[in-house]
């Protein structure tokens, strides 16, 4: 049964709508165990890195040749793309460097970039196989990304759609996104096929740095973010709408599960049945998290062929708005990955959603290798970035 959840008062300030009666969570409320500050490589900011070389693995000519040899080796096996693995896409020299990048993603700074491939020298199918091959060394388990079981998401402006930019999912528009994490996935992987004529760069901010600054300037907000009072509107058949915390301390790590659209809702769209709307205090808390994230961000330059891998539990990301050239469009391909050896142990409230992504279920897997132009968008898509 649900139990009433209240928060301590500070003076006359009450930080939540006390009419909310969400299910109690074993992951929250023991704030005496939470650290006042996190330490480690994940606590980075705008001045931490001397250059992008600090987090970028640039492939040399011999490593590029090795990728082409692995691609040919896989094609000669006559296997399906879903069967790409470290064994079927062997990279004897590059592989150990990619495994070190996986360590950086899980136990280091939380992200890594692979650079040097030229997507215009490969077919769309070959680019997908190369993405699958290299990423198998970062996170060999791949997840579905929507209720249709799509294993890839093609991110570009939907130029054939008549839907206004503001009524589309961000990934099918040219507008900037707010800081967010991608639902319940472990590793967010993006392959850049083409860049915008102007703008469109990815922006990253460490959740651990956000936590440290939050604890320094407004520690009471930590208590609010960690309460199971945040109503996520999901819709569709992939995830159920739920009320859960945004912030967790579990296994000695801070997790931030953060996205505006499912929390705030969409203009002109009624909230899912049974979900509350945010209080003014909750909206102010979201604004503060984003303000801190912006102050702590780095902007990552992009080149065609780049692959970026983010620890989704520890890194907030957003992007700039952009303008395409008449003859070319900004185009990224997304996968959700999981390491079978280094994945973070999740707090209970995130486990079911993570299982829906990575474990076998009724949705199956759909390997949508070729981009199909989008014209209309499901409500469940609009509620995610």
Protein backbone atom coordinates (compact mmCIF):
# COMPACT_ATOMS: atom_id res chain seq x y z
CA UNK A 1 0.00 0.00 0.00
CA UNK A 2 1.09 3.58 -0.53
CA UNK A 3 2.06 5.68 2.45
CA UNK A 4 2.01 9.42 2.85
CA UNK A 5 5.38 11.00 2.18
CA UNK A 6 6.24 14.38 3.66
CA UNK A 7 9.40 16.40 3.72
CA UNK A 8 10.96 18.30 6.59
CA UNK A 9 10.17 22.00 6.79
CA UNK A 10 12.81 24.68 6.71
CA UNK A 11 11.35 27.68 8.50
CA UNK A 12 7.94 28.13 6.92
CA UNK A 13 8.97 26.68 3.56
CA UNK A 14 7.42 23.36 2.56
CA UNK A 15 9.16 21.83 -0.42
CA UNK A 16 6.35 19.67 -1.84
CA UNK A 17 2.60 19.48 -2.28
CA UNK A 18 1.61 17.47 0.79
CA UNK A 19 -1.44 16.07 -0.99
CA UNK A 20 0.91 13.74 -2.86
CA UNK A 21 0.92 10.23 -1.44
CA UNK A 22 3.45 8.30 -3.54
CA UNK A 23 4.68 4.80 -2.87
CA UNK A 24 7.52 4.70 -0.38
CA UNK A 25 10.94 3.85 -1.79
CA UNK A 26 13.79 2.01 -0.08
CA UNK A 27 16.20 4.07 -2.19
CA UNK A 28 15.35 7.38 -0.52
CA UNK A 29 15.08 9.20 2.78
CA UNK A 30 18.31 8.00 4.46
CA UNK A 31 20.04 11.32 3.87
CA UNK A 32 22.47 10.84 6.74
CA UNK A 33 24.24 8.29 4.54
CA UNK A 34 24.58 10.65 1.59
CA UNK A 35 27.93 12.39 1.02
CA UNK A 36 28.22 16.13 1.34
CA UNK A 37 30.51 16.05 -1.72
CA UNK A 38 31.42 13.44 -4.31
CA UNK A 39 35.04 12.95 -5.36
CA UNK A 40 36.73 11.33 -8.35
CA UNK A 41 37.19 11.77 -12.09
CA UNK A 42 33.47 12.32 -12.63
CA UNK A 43 33.70 15.63 -10.76
CA UNK A 44 34.79 17.66 -13.77
CA UNK A 45 33.86 21.09 -15.07
CA UNK A 46 34.59 23.58 -17.86
CA UNK A 47 38.27 24.01 -16.97
CA UNK A 48 39.14 20.38 -16.18
CA UNK A 49 40.23 19.31 -19.65
CA UNK A 50 43.12 20.99 -21.47
CA UNK A 51 41.74 19.95 -24.87
CA UNK A 52 39.44 17.41 -26.46
CA UNK A 53 42.43 15.08 -26.69
CA UNK A 54 41.85 14.40 -22.98
CA UNK A 55 38.69 12.45 -23.83
CA UNK A 56 39.05 11.62 -27.54
CA UNK A 57 40.60 8.52 -29.08
CA UNK A 58 41.66 9.52 -32.60
CA UNK A 59 42.20 6.54 -34.89
CA UNK A 60 45.40 6.37 -36.93
CA UNK A 61 45.80 4.84 -40.38
CA UNK A 62 46.67 1.38 -39.06
CA UNK A 63 43.63 1.37 -36.77
CA UNK A 64 41.37 2.51 -39.61
CA UNK A 65 42.74 -0.34 -41.73
CA UNK A 66 41.99 -2.72 -38.86
CA UNK A 67 38.37 -1.52 -38.79
CA UNK A 68 38.04 -2.16 -42.53
CA UNK A 69 39.55 -5.63 -42.12
CA UNK A 70 37.12 -6.41 -39.29
CA UNK A 71 34.21 -5.21 -41.42
CA UNK A 72 35.25 -7.51 -44.26
CA UNK A 73 35.76 -10.39 -41.81
CA UNK A 74 32.24 -9.94 -40.44
CA UNK A 75 30.68 -9.71 -43.91
CA UNK A 76 32.45 -12.92 -44.95
CA UNK A 77 30.81 -14.74 -42.03
CA UNK A 78 27.38 -14.15 -43.54
CA UNK A 79 25.82 -13.20 -40.18
CA UNK A 80 23.03 -10.80 -39.26
CA UNK A 81 23.94 -7.33 -37.99
CA UNK A 82 22.59 -8.23 -34.55
CA UNK A 83 25.37 -10.83 -34.34
CA UNK A 84 28.19 -8.28 -34.37
CA UNK A 85 30.40 -8.90 -31.34
CA UNK A 86 34.04 -8.68 -30.26
CA UNK A 87 34.50 -12.18 -31.67
CA UNK A 88 32.87 -11.50 -35.03
CA UNK A 89 34.37 -7.99 -35.37
CA UNK A 90 37.95 -8.59 -34.17
CA UNK A 91 40.11 -5.54 -33.43
CA UNK A 92 43.37 -6.92 -31.99
CA UNK A 93 45.12 -3.53 -31.69
CA UNK A 94 42.22 -1.10 -31.37
CA UNK A 95 40.12 -3.39 -29.17
CA UNK A 96 42.18 -2.89 -25.97
CA UNK A 97 41.98 0.90 -26.46
CA UNK A 98 38.20 0.68 -26.80
CA UNK A 99 38.04 -1.43 -23.64
CA UNK A 100 39.96 1.34 -21.86
CA UNK A 101 37.38 3.80 -23.18
CA UNK A 102 34.71 1.58 -21.60
CA UNK A 103 36.55 1.88 -18.28
CA UNK A 104 36.54 5.67 -18.68
CA UNK A 105 32.78 5.63 -19.30
CA UNK A 106 32.02 3.50 -16.21
CA UNK A 107 34.79 4.31 -13.75
CA UNK A 108 36.40 7.50 -15.02
CA UNK A 109 35.13 10.77 -16.43
CA UNK A 110 31.88 9.18 -17.67
CA UNK A 111 32.26 9.64 -21.43
CA UNK A 112 34.55 8.98 -24.37
CA UNK A 113 34.76 9.99 -28.04
CA UNK A 114 36.12 7.89 -30.92
CA UNK A 115 37.23 9.97 -33.93
CA UNK A 116 38.76 9.42 -37.36
CA UNK A 117 36.26 7.38 -39.36
CA UNK A 118 34.84 8.87 -42.57
CA UNK A 119 31.19 7.86 -42.96
CA UNK A 120 30.97 9.08 -46.55
CA UNK A 121 33.39 6.31 -47.57
CA UNK A 122 30.98 3.59 -46.37
CA UNK A 123 27.42 2.59 -47.21
CA UNK A 124 24.65 3.14 -44.60
CA UNK A 125 24.76 -0.59 -43.81
CA UNK A 126 28.55 -0.53 -43.39
CA UNK A 127 28.37 2.52 -41.13
CA UNK A 128 25.84 0.69 -38.95
CA UNK A 129 28.07 -2.40 -38.77
CA UNK A 130 31.10 -0.31 -37.84
CA UNK A 131 29.07 1.41 -35.11
CA UNK A 132 27.94 -1.99 -33.83
CA UNK A 133 31.47 -3.37 -34.05
CA UNK A 134 33.30 -0.63 -32.19
CA UNK A 135 30.53 -0.19 -29.62
CA UNK A 136 30.61 -3.93 -28.81
CA UNK A 137 33.86 -3.19 -26.95
CA UNK A 138 32.17 -0.40 -24.93
CA UNK A 139 28.82 -2.03 -24.17
CA UNK A 140 28.09 -5.34 -25.92
CA UNK A 141 24.46 -5.55 -24.83
CA UNK A 142 22.13 -3.44 -26.98
CA UNK A 143 18.71 -2.18 -26.02
CA UNK A 144 15.43 -1.40 -27.71
CA UNK A 145 14.48 2.28 -27.69
CA UNK A 146 10.73 2.41 -28.16
CA UNK A 147 7.47 0.44 -28.12
CA UNK A 148 8.14 -0.85 -31.64
CA UNK A 149 11.39 -2.50 -30.54
CA UNK A 150 13.61 -0.25 -32.66
CA UNK A 151 17.25 -0.84 -31.83
CA UNK A 152 18.47 2.29 -33.63
CA UNK A 153 17.13 5.83 -33.61
CA UNK A 154 17.93 8.10 -36.55
CA UNK A 155 18.24 11.67 -35.28
CA UNK A 156 17.67 14.43 -37.83
CA UNK A 157 15.24 17.21 -38.67
CA UNK A 158 12.08 15.67 -40.16
CA UNK A 159 11.94 17.96 -43.16
CA UNK A 160 8.93 16.25 -44.76
CA UNK A 161 6.76 16.75 -41.69
CA UNK A 162 4.31 19.63 -41.49
CA UNK A 163 4.29 19.49 -37.69
CA UNK A 164 5.60 22.73 -36.15
CA UNK A 165 9.08 22.47 -34.68
CA UNK A 166 7.70 22.87 -31.16
CA UNK A 167 5.26 19.96 -31.61
CA UNK A 168 7.92 17.41 -32.53
CA UNK A 169 10.25 15.29 -30.46
CA UNK A 170 13.47 17.27 -30.10
CA UNK A 171 15.41 14.61 -32.01
CA UNK A 172 13.28 15.26 -35.14
CA UNK A 173 13.59 19.05 -34.94
CA UNK A 174 16.26 21.74 -35.26
CA UNK A 175 15.65 23.27 -31.83
CA UNK A 176 17.99 23.13 -28.87
CA UNK A 177 17.30 20.59 -26.17
CA UNK A 178 17.33 21.05 -22.42
CA UNK A 179 19.63 18.99 -20.22
CA UNK A 180 18.40 15.45 -19.73
CA UNK A 181 19.25 11.79 -19.42
CA UNK A 182 17.80 9.13 -21.74
CA UNK A 183 15.13 7.30 -19.71
CA UNK A 184 16.64 4.18 -18.07
CA UNK A 185 19.53 3.26 -20.38
CA UNK A 186 23.08 2.65 -19.15
CA UNK A 187 25.19 3.97 -22.03
CA UNK A 188 24.03 6.50 -24.60
CA UNK A 189 25.95 5.96 -27.86
CA UNK A 190 25.79 8.42 -30.76
CA UNK A 191 27.37 8.06 -34.20
CA UNK A 192 27.66 11.29 -36.19
CA UNK A 193 26.96 10.67 -39.87
CA UNK A 194 26.82 14.37 -40.84
CA UNK A 195 27.10 17.73 -39.07
CA UNK A 196 24.90 20.82 -39.29
CA UNK A 197 26.01 23.86 -41.25
CA UNK A 198 25.79 25.85 -38.02
CA UNK A 199 25.24 24.78 -34.40
CA UNK A 200 24.05 21.36 -33.28
CA UNK A 201 27.02 20.60 -31.02
CA UNK A 202 26.55 18.24 -28.09
CA UNK A 203 26.78 19.69 -24.58
CA UNK A 204 27.74 17.62 -21.53
CA UNK A 205 27.58 18.21 -17.79
CA UNK A 206 28.60 15.88 -14.97
CA UNK A 207 25.77 14.89 -12.60
CA UNK A 208 28.35 14.52 -9.84
CA UNK A 209 29.52 18.11 -10.31
CA UNK A 210 25.88 19.25 -10.35
CA UNK A 211 25.34 17.38 -7.07
CA UNK A 212 28.41 18.92 -5.44
CA UNK A 213 27.41 22.47 -6.41
CA UNK A 214 23.82 21.83 -5.34
CA UNK A 215 25.02 20.66 -1.92
CA UNK A 216 27.17 23.78 -1.63
CA UNK A 217 24.48 26.33 -2.46
CA UNK A 218 21.09 24.73 -1.71
CA UNK A 219 21.35 21.32 0.01
CA UNK A 220 17.62 21.28 0.82
CA UNK A 221 16.87 20.75 -2.86
CA UNK A 222 18.77 17.45 -2.68
CA UNK A 223 16.09 16.16 -0.29
CA UNK A 224 13.34 17.22 -2.67
CA UNK A 225 14.97 15.64 -5.73
CA UNK A 226 15.49 12.37 -3.84
CA UNK A 227 11.85 11.97 -2.76
CA UNK A 228 9.56 9.64 -4.82
CA UNK A 229 7.24 12.49 -5.81
CA UNK A 230 8.28 13.16 -9.41
CA UNK A 231 5.54 12.20 -11.92
CA UNK A 232 6.95 10.86 -15.23
CA UNK A 233 4.36 10.79 -18.04
CA UNK A 234 5.44 8.09 -20.50
CA UNK A 235 2.40 6.86 -22.49
CA UNK A 236 2.62 4.15 -25.12
CA UNK A 237 3.55 0.52 -24.51
CA UNK A 238 7.22 0.86 -23.63
CA UNK A 239 7.34 2.36 -20.14
CA UNK A 240 4.49 2.87 -17.70
CA UNK A 241 3.96 6.32 -16.28
CA UNK A 242 5.36 6.39 -12.76
CA UNK A 243 6.22 8.56 -9.79
CA UNK A 244 9.80 8.18 -8.57
CA UNK A 245 12.85 10.17 -7.41
CA UNK A 246 15.15 12.10 -9.73
CA UNK A 247 18.23 11.74 -7.55
CA UNK A 248 19.68 8.59 -5.96
CA UNK A 249 22.65 7.58 -3.87
CA UNK A 250 23.23 3.87 -4.39
CA UNK A 251 26.30 1.70 -4.13
CA UNK A 252 28.47 4.70 -3.32
CA UNK A 253 27.40 6.55 -6.50
CA UNK A 254 25.12 9.46 -7.32
CA UNK A 255 22.52 8.84 -10.06
CA UNK A 256 20.51 11.64 -11.69
CA UNK A 257 17.50 10.54 -13.79
CA UNK A 258 16.36 13.82 -15.28
CA UNK A 259 14.17 14.99 -18.16
CA UNK A 260 11.77 17.91 -18.47
CA UNK A 261 9.17 16.75 -21.01
CA UNK A 262 7.73 13.80 -19.07
CA UNK A 263 7.76 15.81 -15.82
CA UNK A 264 6.43 19.17 -16.96
CA UNK A 265 4.21 17.86 -19.76
CA UNK A 266 3.33 19.27 -23.15
CA UNK A 267 1.29 22.36 -23.96
CA UNK A 268 -2.29 21.42 -24.79
CA UNK A 269 -1.85 17.77 -23.75
CA UNK A 270 -3.58 16.47 -20.64
CA UNK A 271 -1.42 14.58 -18.16
CA UNK A 272 -1.78 10.81 -17.94
CA UNK A 273 -4.53 9.68 -15.62
CA UNK A 274 -3.48 9.68 -11.98
CA UNK A 275 -0.35 11.79 -12.48
CA UNK A 276 0.01 15.03 -10.57
CA UNK A 277 1.39 18.27 -11.93
CA UNK A 278 4.55 19.78 -10.53
CA UNK A 279 4.42 22.27 -7.68
CA UNK A 280 6.14 25.63 -8.01
CA UNK A 281 8.90 24.32 -5.72
CA UNK A 282 9.49 21.34 -7.96
CA UNK A 283 9.68 23.52 -11.07
CA UNK A 284 12.17 25.79 -9.32
CA UNK A 285 14.26 22.73 -8.42
CA UNK A 286 14.37 21.66 -12.09
CA UNK A 287 15.43 25.16 -13.06
CA UNK A 288 18.21 25.13 -10.48
CA UNK A 289 19.56 21.78 -11.70
CA UNK A 290 19.64 23.09 -15.26
CA UNK A 291 21.28 26.34 -14.20
CA UNK A 292 24.04 24.45 -12.40
CA UNK A 293 24.42 22.08 -15.37
CA UNK A 294 24.87 25.03 -17.74
CA UNK A 295 27.46 26.61 -15.46
CA UNK A 296 29.37 23.29 -15.37
CA UNK A 297 29.05 22.27 -19.02
CA UNK A 298 31.51 21.55 -21.78
CA UNK A 299 30.58 21.95 -25.45
CA UNK A 300 31.90 19.14 -27.63
CA UNK A 301 32.92 19.84 -31.21
CA UNK A 302 31.74 17.22 -33.69
CA UNK A 303 33.15 15.75 -36.87
CA UNK A 304 31.45 13.29 -39.25
CA UNK A 305 32.30 9.79 -38.09
CA UNK A 306 32.56 10.67 -34.39
CA UNK A 307 31.17 8.18 -31.90
CA UNK A 308 30.41 9.45 -28.41
CA UNK A 309 29.63 7.19 -25.47
CA UNK A 310 28.04 8.63 -22.31
CA UNK A 311 27.34 7.07 -18.93
CA UNK A 312 23.65 7.94 -18.87
CA UNK A 313 23.41 7.66 -15.07
CA UNK A 314 26.20 10.17 -14.51
CA UNK A 315 26.23 12.60 -17.46
CA UNK A 316 23.53 15.10 -18.43
CA UNK A 317 23.48 16.05 -22.09
CA UNK A 318 21.83 18.59 -24.36
CA UNK A 319 22.48 20.10 -27.77
CA UNK A 320 22.53 23.43 -29.51
CA UNK A 321 19.86 24.46 -31.95
CA UNK A 322 21.12 24.18 -35.50
CA UNK A 323 20.75 25.15 -39.14
CA UNK A 324 21.24 22.62 -41.93
CA UNK A 325 22.86 23.32 -45.28
CA UNK A 326 20.49 23.01 -48.27
CA UNK A 327 22.37 19.97 -49.56
CA UNK A 328 22.99 18.17 -46.24
CA UNK A 329 21.38 17.59 -42.84
CA UNK A 330 22.74 17.00 -39.35
CA UNK A 331 22.36 13.26 -38.89
CA UNK A 332 23.16 11.10 -35.89
CA UNK A 333 22.36 7.45 -35.12
CA UNK A 334 21.67 6.45 -31.52
CA UNK A 335 22.01 3.20 -29.61
CA UNK A 336 21.44 2.32 -25.96
CA UNK A 337 24.17 0.01 -24.68
CA UNK A 338 25.00 -1.92 -21.51
CA UNK A 339 28.24 -3.46 -20.30
CA UNK A 340 27.95 -7.03 -19.04
CA UNK A 341 30.93 -6.55 -16.69
CA UNK A 342 31.03 -2.87 -15.65
CA UNK A 343 27.38 -1.76 -15.57
CA UNK A 344 26.46 0.23 -12.46
CA UNK A 345 24.17 -1.57 -10.01
CA UNK A 346 20.90 0.32 -10.16
CA UNK A 347 18.59 1.61 -7.44
CA UNK A 348 15.31 -0.29 -7.31
CA UNK A 349 13.24 2.47 -8.91
CA UNK A 350 15.34 2.31 -12.12
CA UNK A 351 15.59 -1.47 -12.48
CA UNK A 352 12.27 -2.21 -14.17
CA UNK A 353 12.71 0.44 -16.87
CA UNK A 354 16.28 -0.74 -17.49
CA UNK A 355 15.02 -4.31 -17.87
CA UNK A 356 12.42 -3.19 -20.42
CA UNK A 357 15.28 -1.85 -22.55
CA UNK A 358 17.79 -4.68 -22.32
CA UNK A 359 15.97 -7.91 -21.39
CA UNK A 360 13.81 -10.10 -23.64
CA UNK A 361 10.14 -9.13 -23.68
CA UNK A 362 7.09 -8.92 -25.92
CA UNK A 363 8.50 -5.95 -27.91
CA UNK A 364 11.25 -7.99 -29.57
CA UNK A 365 13.99 -6.31 -31.62
CA UNK A 366 13.65 -4.35 -34.86
CA UNK A 367 16.90 -3.55 -36.63
CA UNK A 368 15.95 -0.40 -38.53
CA UNK A 369 19.31 0.10 -40.25
CA UNK A 370 18.04 2.49 -42.93
CA UNK A 371 16.55 5.84 -41.96
CA UNK A 372 12.89 6.23 -42.91
CA UNK A 373 11.67 9.86 -43.15
CA UNK A 374 9.30 10.79 -40.35
CA UNK A 375 6.07 12.71 -40.90
CA UNK A 376 3.99 12.06 -37.78
CA UNK A 377 5.03 11.48 -34.17
CA UNK A 378 3.55 9.48 -31.33
CA UNK A 379 2.79 11.21 -28.04
CA UNK A 380 5.22 8.85 -26.32
CA UNK A 381 7.98 10.17 -28.64
CA UNK A 382 7.15 13.78 -27.86
CA UNK A 383 7.50 13.05 -24.15
CA UNK A 384 11.12 12.04 -24.63
CA UNK A 385 14.06 13.99 -26.06
